[in-house]
N, C-alpha and C. Protein backbone atom coordinates (compact mmCIF):
# COMPACT_ATOMS: atom_id res chain seq x y z
N MET A 1 0.83 -1.18 0.00
CA MET A 1 0.00 0.00 0.00
C MET A 1 0.88 1.25 0.00
N ARG A 2 0.56 2.18 -0.83
CA ARG A 2 1.31 3.43 -0.92
C ARG A 2 0.68 4.48 -0.03
N HIS A 3 1.55 5.30 0.53
CA HIS A 3 1.06 6.43 1.33
C HIS A 3 1.03 7.66 0.44
N GLN A 4 -0.04 8.38 0.46
CA GLN A 4 -0.14 9.64 -0.27
C GLN A 4 0.00 10.79 0.72
N TYR A 5 1.07 11.55 0.56
CA TYR A 5 1.34 12.68 1.43
C TYR A 5 0.58 13.91 0.95
N LYS A 6 0.27 14.79 1.85
CA LYS A 6 -0.41 16.04 1.50
C LYS A 6 0.56 17.06 0.92
N CYS A 7 1.85 16.89 1.22
CA CYS A 7 2.85 17.86 0.78
C CYS A 7 4.18 17.14 0.61
N ALA A 8 5.00 17.59 -0.34
CA ALA A 8 6.35 17.08 -0.53
C ALA A 8 7.32 18.25 -0.55
N VAL A 9 8.39 18.14 0.21
CA VAL A 9 9.47 19.13 0.19
C VAL A 9 10.62 18.47 -0.56
N ILE A 10 11.02 19.07 -1.67
CA ILE A 10 12.08 18.51 -2.50
C ILE A 10 13.38 19.22 -2.16
N GLY A 11 14.32 18.47 -1.61
CA GLY A 11 15.61 19.02 -1.23
C GLY A 11 15.68 19.31 0.26
N ALA A 12 16.70 18.77 0.91
CA ALA A 12 16.85 18.94 2.35
C ALA A 12 18.07 19.78 2.68
N GLY A 13 18.29 20.79 1.84
CA GLY A 13 19.30 21.79 2.16
C GLY A 13 18.69 22.80 3.11
N PRO A 14 19.32 23.94 3.29
CA PRO A 14 18.81 24.93 4.23
C PRO A 14 17.36 25.35 3.96
N ALA A 15 17.01 25.59 2.71
CA ALA A 15 15.64 26.03 2.40
C ALA A 15 14.63 24.91 2.63
N GLY A 16 14.97 23.70 2.22
CA GLY A 16 14.07 22.57 2.42
C GLY A 16 13.85 22.25 3.88
N LEU A 17 14.91 22.31 4.67
CA LEU A 17 14.78 22.07 6.11
C LEU A 17 13.95 23.17 6.76
N ALA A 18 14.16 24.41 6.32
CA ALA A 18 13.36 25.52 6.86
C ALA A 18 11.88 25.33 6.51
N ALA A 19 11.61 24.87 5.30
CA ALA A 19 10.22 24.61 4.89
C ALA A 19 9.61 23.51 5.74
N ALA A 20 10.37 22.46 6.02
CA ALA A 20 9.87 21.36 6.84
C ALA A 20 9.58 21.83 8.27
N VAL A 21 10.46 22.65 8.82
CA VAL A 21 10.23 23.19 10.16
C VAL A 21 8.96 24.04 10.18
N LYS A 22 8.78 24.86 9.16
CA LYS A 22 7.58 25.70 9.07
C LYS A 22 6.32 24.85 8.97
N LEU A 23 6.36 23.80 8.19
CA LEU A 23 5.20 22.91 8.07
C LEU A 23 4.83 22.31 9.42
N VAL A 24 5.82 21.83 10.16
CA VAL A 24 5.56 21.23 11.47
C VAL A 24 5.00 22.28 12.43
N ARG A 25 5.58 23.46 12.42
CA ARG A 25 5.10 24.53 13.31
C ARG A 25 3.66 24.95 12.99
N GLU A 26 3.28 24.79 11.74
CA GLU A 26 1.92 25.13 11.32
C GLU A 26 0.95 23.96 11.48
N GLY A 27 1.45 22.84 12.02
CA GLY A 27 0.57 21.70 12.29
C GLY A 27 0.53 20.64 11.21
N MET A 28 1.28 20.80 10.14
CA MET A 28 1.30 19.81 9.06
C MET A 28 2.26 18.69 9.43
N LYS A 29 1.75 17.48 9.50
CA LYS A 29 2.60 16.34 9.83
C LYS A 29 2.62 15.30 8.73
N ASP A 30 1.74 15.44 7.75
CA ASP A 30 1.65 14.45 6.69
C ASP A 30 2.37 14.96 5.44
N PHE A 31 3.72 15.02 5.54
CA PHE A 31 4.52 15.44 4.40
C PHE A 31 5.77 14.58 4.33
N ILE A 32 6.42 14.63 3.20
CA ILE A 32 7.65 13.88 3.01
C ILE A 32 8.75 14.86 2.60
N LEU A 33 9.94 14.63 3.12
CA LEU A 33 11.12 15.43 2.80
C LEU A 33 12.04 14.55 1.95
N ILE A 34 12.28 14.95 0.72
CA ILE A 34 13.04 14.14 -0.23
C ILE A 34 14.40 14.77 -0.48
N GLU A 35 15.47 13.99 -0.31
CA GLU A 35 16.83 14.47 -0.52
C GLU A 35 17.60 13.42 -1.31
N ARG A 36 18.36 13.83 -2.31
CA ARG A 36 19.11 12.87 -3.13
C ARG A 36 20.43 12.43 -2.49
N GLU A 37 20.97 13.25 -1.61
CA GLU A 37 22.24 12.90 -0.97
C GLU A 37 22.00 12.02 0.26
N ASN A 38 23.07 11.48 0.82
CA ASN A 38 22.97 10.61 1.99
C ASN A 38 22.75 11.38 3.28
N GLU A 39 23.10 12.66 3.29
CA GLU A 39 22.96 13.47 4.49
C GLU A 39 22.12 14.71 4.20
N LEU A 40 21.45 15.20 5.23
CA LEU A 40 20.63 16.41 5.11
C LEU A 40 21.48 17.65 5.36
N GLY A 41 20.98 18.79 4.90
CA GLY A 41 21.61 20.07 5.24
C GLY A 41 22.68 20.53 4.30
N GLY A 42 22.70 20.02 3.09
CA GLY A 42 23.73 20.39 2.13
C GLY A 42 23.71 21.87 1.77
N ILE A 43 24.82 22.32 1.22
CA ILE A 43 24.95 23.69 0.76
C ILE A 43 25.10 23.65 -0.75
N LEU A 44 24.54 24.63 -1.44
CA LEU A 44 24.66 24.68 -2.89
C LEU A 44 26.11 24.63 -3.32
N ASN A 45 26.37 23.95 -4.43
CA ASN A 45 27.74 23.83 -4.93
C ASN A 45 28.36 25.19 -5.25
N GLN A 46 27.54 26.16 -5.62
CA GLN A 46 28.07 27.48 -5.97
C GLN A 46 28.06 28.46 -4.80
N CYS A 47 27.90 27.98 -3.57
CA CYS A 47 27.88 28.85 -2.40
C CYS A 47 29.31 29.31 -2.10
N ILE A 48 29.65 30.52 -2.53
CA ILE A 48 31.03 30.99 -2.38
C ILE A 48 31.15 32.17 -1.43
N HIS A 49 30.03 32.69 -0.94
CA HIS A 49 30.10 33.83 -0.03
C HIS A 49 30.35 33.36 1.40
N THR A 50 30.90 34.22 2.20
CA THR A 50 31.17 33.86 3.59
C THR A 50 30.00 34.24 4.48
N GLY A 51 29.99 33.71 5.67
CA GLY A 51 28.95 34.04 6.64
C GLY A 51 27.84 33.01 6.75
N PHE A 52 27.74 32.10 5.79
CA PHE A 52 26.69 31.10 5.84
C PHE A 52 26.98 30.12 6.98
N GLY A 53 26.04 29.92 7.85
CA GLY A 53 26.19 28.97 8.94
C GLY A 53 26.60 29.58 10.26
N LEU A 54 26.99 30.83 10.26
CA LEU A 54 27.48 31.44 11.50
C LEU A 54 26.42 31.51 12.58
N GLU A 55 25.18 31.83 12.21
CA GLU A 55 24.13 32.02 13.21
C GLU A 55 23.80 30.73 13.96
N PHE A 56 23.67 29.61 13.24
CA PHE A 56 23.25 28.37 13.88
C PHE A 56 24.41 27.45 14.26
N PHE A 57 25.49 27.45 13.46
CA PHE A 57 26.57 26.49 13.68
C PHE A 57 27.83 27.10 14.27
N ARG A 58 27.85 28.42 14.40
CA ARG A 58 29.00 29.13 14.96
C ARG A 58 30.29 28.86 14.18
N GLU A 59 30.15 28.54 12.90
CA GLU A 59 31.32 28.39 12.05
C GLU A 59 30.93 28.75 10.62
N ASP A 60 31.90 29.17 9.85
CA ASP A 60 31.66 29.57 8.47
C ASP A 60 31.60 28.32 7.60
N LEU A 61 30.49 28.11 6.91
CA LEU A 61 30.32 26.96 6.05
C LEU A 61 30.38 27.41 4.60
N THR A 62 31.03 26.63 3.75
CA THR A 62 31.09 26.93 2.32
C THR A 62 30.69 25.68 1.54
N GLY A 63 30.46 25.86 0.27
CA GLY A 63 30.12 24.73 -0.59
C GLY A 63 31.32 23.82 -0.81
N PRO A 64 31.08 22.71 -1.49
CA PRO A 64 32.17 21.73 -1.72
C PRO A 64 33.30 22.28 -2.55
């Protein structure tokens, strides 16, 4: 039997994770978070500016 979700979040990078948090805070629990990589929270390959990650991780994060 297949489960049909009410919402799908595609990508579990910063924006996708933020969307998932917002959905939960708004009471939505029937959604799926889809990520192609093995780990969540990826940064765009072209992320070359500094300052990303300082607020939450207390360290400067850059792309691969």
